[in-house]
Protein backbone atom coordinates (compact mmCIF):
# COMPACT_ATOMS: atom_id res chain seq x y z
CA MET A 1 0.03 -0.22 0.13
CA GLY A 2 1.32 3.31 -0.82
CA LYS A 3 -0.85 5.15 1.50
CA LEU A 4 -0.21 5.03 5.33
CA ILE A 5 -3.30 3.09 6.27
CA ASP A 6 -2.94 0.38 9.01
CA ILE A 7 -5.24 -0.85 11.50
CA GLY A 8 -6.73 1.78 13.82
CA ARG A 9 -6.07 4.61 11.62
CA ILE A 10 -8.82 7.22 11.28
CA VAL A 11 -9.35 8.11 8.01
CA VAL A 12 -11.35 10.47 5.90
CA ILE A 13 -14.16 8.72 3.13
CA LEU A 14 -13.53 10.62 -0.09
CA ARG A 15 -16.04 8.72 -2.26
CA GLY A 16 -19.60 7.74 -2.38
CA ARG A 17 -22.46 9.05 -0.15
CA ARG A 18 -20.70 9.08 3.10
CA ALA A 19 -17.70 11.16 1.50
CA GLY A 20 -16.62 13.50 4.13
CA LYS A 21 -17.18 11.58 6.90
CA LYS A 22 -14.62 10.11 9.12
CA ALA A 23 -14.15 6.31 9.94
CA VAL A 24 -11.73 4.10 11.53
CA VAL A 25 -9.68 1.17 9.86
CA VAL A 26 -10.30 -2.09 11.84
CA ASP A 27 -9.00 -4.70 9.48
CA ILE A 28 -6.81 -4.95 6.00
CA ILE A 29 -8.48 -7.35 3.66
CA ASP A 30 -5.80 -7.17 0.71
CA GLU A 31 -3.72 -4.34 -0.97
CA ASN A 32 -6.50 -2.26 -2.43
CA PHE A 33 -9.68 -2.81 0.57
CA VAL A 34 -9.74 -2.25 4.19
CA MET A 35 -12.53 -2.84 6.59
CA ILE A 36 -14.25 0.33 8.13
CA THR A 37 -16.44 1.66 10.79
CA GLY A 38 -17.62 4.84 11.97
CA PRO A 39 -19.06 3.24 14.53
CA LYS A 40 -22.75 3.78 13.31
CA GLU A 41 -23.91 5.02 16.80
CA LEU A 42 -21.17 7.84 16.72
CA ASN A 43 -21.31 9.28 12.97
CA GLY A 44 -23.56 6.65 11.00
CA VAL A 45 -20.74 4.99 9.12
CA LYS A 46 -21.53 1.18 9.08
CA ARG A 47 -18.87 -1.31 9.22
CA ARG A 48 -18.16 -1.96 5.76
CA ARG A 49 -15.36 -2.97 3.06
CA MET A 50 -13.95 0.29 1.09
CA ASN A 51 -11.22 0.79 -1.40
CA VAL A 52 -8.10 2.35 0.11
CA ASP A 53 -8.38 4.67 -2.76
CA HIS A 54 -11.44 6.37 -1.52
CA LEU A 55 -9.93 6.97 1.62
CA MET A 56 -7.53 9.74 3.08
CA PRO A 57 -5.38 8.83 6.26
CA LEU A 58 -5.46 11.29 9.05
CA SER A 59 -2.17 11.21 11.10
CA VAL A 60 -4.64 10.09 14.54
CA LYS A 61 -4.48 6.07 15.24
CA LEU A 62 -6.37 4.59 17.59
CA ASP A 63 -4.54 1.46 19.61
CA ILE A 64 -7.29 -1.08 18.75
CA PRO A 65 -6.88 -5.13 17.87
CA ARG A 66 -7.52 -6.43 14.36
CA GLY A 67 -11.09 -7.21 13.74
CA ALA A 68 -12.13 -4.80 16.76
CA SER A 69 -15.93 -4.93 17.44
CA ASP A 70 -17.80 -1.49 16.94
CA GLU A 71 -18.04 -1.45 20.90
CA GLU A 72 -14.41 -1.83 21.33
CA VAL A 73 -13.73 0.98 18.72
CA LEU A 74 -16.49 3.16 20.41
CA LYS A 75 -14.33 2.52 23.65
CA ALA A 76 -10.99 3.72 22.35
CA ILE A 77 -12.42 6.76 20.81
CA LYS A 78 -13.85 7.79 23.91
CA ASP A 79 -10.94 7.03 25.91
CA ARG A 80 -8.99 9.23 23.55
CA GLY A 81 -11.55 11.83 23.59
CA LEU A 82 -12.07 12.08 20.09
CA GLU A 83 -15.89 11.78 19.60
CA ASP A 84 -16.10 15.24 18.48
CA LEU A 85 -13.15 14.59 15.44
CA LEU A 86 -15.02 11.79 14.21
CA LYS A 87 -18.43 13.30 14.23
CA GLU A 88 -17.29 16.28 12.25
CA GLU A 89 -17.62 15.96 8.48
CA VAL A 90 -14.90 17.31 5.88
CA ARG A 91 -16.34 18.98 2.74
CA ILE A 92 -15.16 17.17 -0.14
CA PRO A 93 -15.39 19.34 -3.62
CA ALA A 94 -17.41 17.74 -6.27
CA HIS A 95 -15.59 17.24 -9.58
CA ARG A 96 -17.07 18.91 -12.61
CA LEU A 97 -16.83 17.57 -15.81
């Protein structure tokens, strides 16, 4: 992977209907796909597979195990006091052709 995407990394979703929302990487599927979660209770992003080209990693990383449950991720977020960071959205400009 060319990007610095690893387990526990907080990322911004760049494409799709969830563009601009932040999520946490919970598993690496292969060199092109990772499993992410919001978790849904915090910001509405469900656990799902995403292409790494559609994600932008942030410098913040949580200490969670591979395949962590949404409850474990939420606990790690609350322990670090990052609830507001994950709730805020980033404006992604639309591309005009």
